[in-house]
C-alpha atoms as a PDB file:
ATOM      1  CA  UNK A   1       0.000   0.000   0.000  1.00  0.00           C
ATOM      2  CA  UNK A   2       2.761   2.457   0.862  1.00  0.00           C
ATOM      3  CA  UNK A   3       4.528   1.834  -2.446  1.00  0.00           C
ATOM      4  CA  UNK A   4       1.338   2.475  -4.403  1.00  0.00           C
ATOM      5  CA  UNK A   5       0.581   5.579  -2.348  1.00  0.00           C
ATOM      6  CA  UNK A   6       4.109   6.885  -2.901  1.00  0.00           C
ATOM      7  CA  UNK A   7       3.960   6.112  -6.651  1.00  0.00           C
ATOM      8  CA  UNK A   8       0.823   8.216  -6.871  1.00  0.00           C
ATOM      9  CA  UNK A   9       2.350  11.035  -4.847  1.00  0.00           C
ATOM     10  CA  UNK A  10      -0.287  10.813  -2.144  1.00  0.00           C
ATOM     11  CA  UNK A  11       0.684  11.979   1.330  1.00  0.00           C
ATOM     12  CA  UNK A  12      -0.684   9.770   4.079  1.00  0.00           C
ATOM     13  CA  UNK A  13      -3.088  12.474   5.226  1.00  0.00           C
ATOM     14  CA  UNK A  14      -4.554  12.933   1.726  1.00  0.00           C
ATOM     15  CA  UNK A  15      -4.939   9.184   1.258  1.00  0.00           C
ATOM     16  CA  UNK A  16      -6.600   8.907   4.660  1.00  0.00           C
ATOM     17  CA  UNK A  17      -9.209  11.415   3.493  1.00  0.00           C
ATOM     18  CA  UNK A  18      -9.689   9.641   0.159  1.00  0.00           C
ATOM     19  CA  UNK A  19     -10.170   6.252   1.809  1.00  0.00           C
ATOM     20  CA  UNK A  20     -12.169   7.501   4.793  1.00  0.00           C
ATOM     21  CA  UNK A  21      -9.697   5.964   7.240  1.00  0.00           C
ATOM     22  CA  UNK A  22      -7.762   7.567  10.086  1.00  0.00           C
ATOM     23  CA  UNK A  23      -4.179   8.531   9.236  1.00  0.00           C
ATOM     24  CA  UNK A  24      -2.721   6.764  12.273  1.00  0.00           C
ATOM     25  CA  UNK A  25      -4.665   3.616  11.359  1.00  0.00           C
ATOM     26  CA  UNK A  26      -3.189   3.740   7.837  1.00  0.00           C
ATOM     27  CA  UNK A  27       0.289   4.189   9.296  1.00  0.00           C
ATOM     28  CA  UNK A  28      -0.202   1.081  11.444  1.00  0.00           C
ATOM     29  CA  UNK A  29      -1.315  -0.883   8.367  1.00  0.00           C
ATOM     30  CA  UNK A  30       1.675   0.317   6.335  1.00  0.00           C
ATOM     31  CA  UNK A  31       4.044  -0.606   9.170  1.00  0.00           C
ATOM     32  CA  UNK A  32       2.578  -4.101   9.418  1.00  0.00           C
ATOM     33  CA  UNK A  33       1.404  -3.508  12.966  1.00  0.00           C
ATOM     34  CA  UNK A  34      -2.178  -4.610  12.341  1.00  0.00           C
ATOM     35  CA  UNK A  35      -4.158  -6.836  10.031  1.00  0.00           C
ATOM     36  CA  UNK A  36      -7.234  -5.572   8.233  1.00  0.00           C
ATOM     37  CA  UNK A  37     -10.581  -7.024   7.268  1.00  0.00           C
ATOM     38  CA  UNK A  38     -12.167  -7.081   3.839  1.00  0.00           C
ATOM     39  CA  UNK A  39     -14.180  -3.899   4.464  1.00  0.00           C
ATOM     40  CA  UNK A  40     -10.968  -1.986   5.149  1.00  0.00           C
ATOM     41  CA  UNK A  41      -9.350  -3.516   2.061  1.00  0.00           C
ATOM     42  CA  UNK A  42     -12.344  -2.302   0.043  1.00  0.00           C
ATOM     43  CA  UNK A  43     -11.954   1.212   1.470  1.00  0.00           C
ATOM     44  CA  UNK A  44      -8.243   1.229   0.646  1.00  0.00           C
ATOM     45  CA  UNK A  45      -8.952   0.123  -2.937  1.00  0.00           C
ATOM     46  CA  UNK A  46     -11.634   2.803  -3.238  1.00  0.00           C
ATOM     47  CA  UNK A  47      -9.157   5.404  -1.964  1.00  0.00           C
ATOM     48  CA  UNK A  48      -6.880   4.491  -4.865  1.00  0.00           C
ATOM     49  CA  UNK A  49      -9.884   4.339  -7.240  1.00  0.00           C
ATOM     50  CA  UNK A  50      -9.052   0.748  -8.194  1.00  0.00           C
ATOM     51  CA  UNK A  51     -10.668  -2.640  -7.618  1.00  0.00           C
ATOM     52  CA  UNK A  52      -9.694  -4.950  -4.777  1.00  0.00           C
ATOM     53  CA  UNK A  53      -8.285  -7.318  -7.403  1.00  0.00           C
ATOM     54  CA  UNK A  54      -6.050  -4.552  -8.772  1.00  0.00           C
ATOM     55  CA  UNK A  55      -4.926  -3.687  -5.254  1.00  0.00           C
ATOM     56  CA  UNK A  56      -3.837  -7.264  -4.623  1.00  0.00           C
ATOM     57  CA  UNK A  57      -2.092  -7.442  -7.995  1.00  0.00           C
ATOM     58  CA  UNK A  58      -0.195  -4.278  -7.088  1.00  0.00           C
ATOM     59  CA  UNK A  59      -1.530  -2.110  -9.888  1.00  0.00           C
END
């Protein structure tokens, strides 16, 4: 997720807004501190404006 966010030039705060998730929660995900459920994965994909499948393929 961090690589994709960086590739798109999205600061963590901007991506948090786009995905509707808290910035500190996103930081914990990026640092591998927590696992996420499918609903959060869907929100992350939506924040990137891609499908869940594309997110998992790393597009």
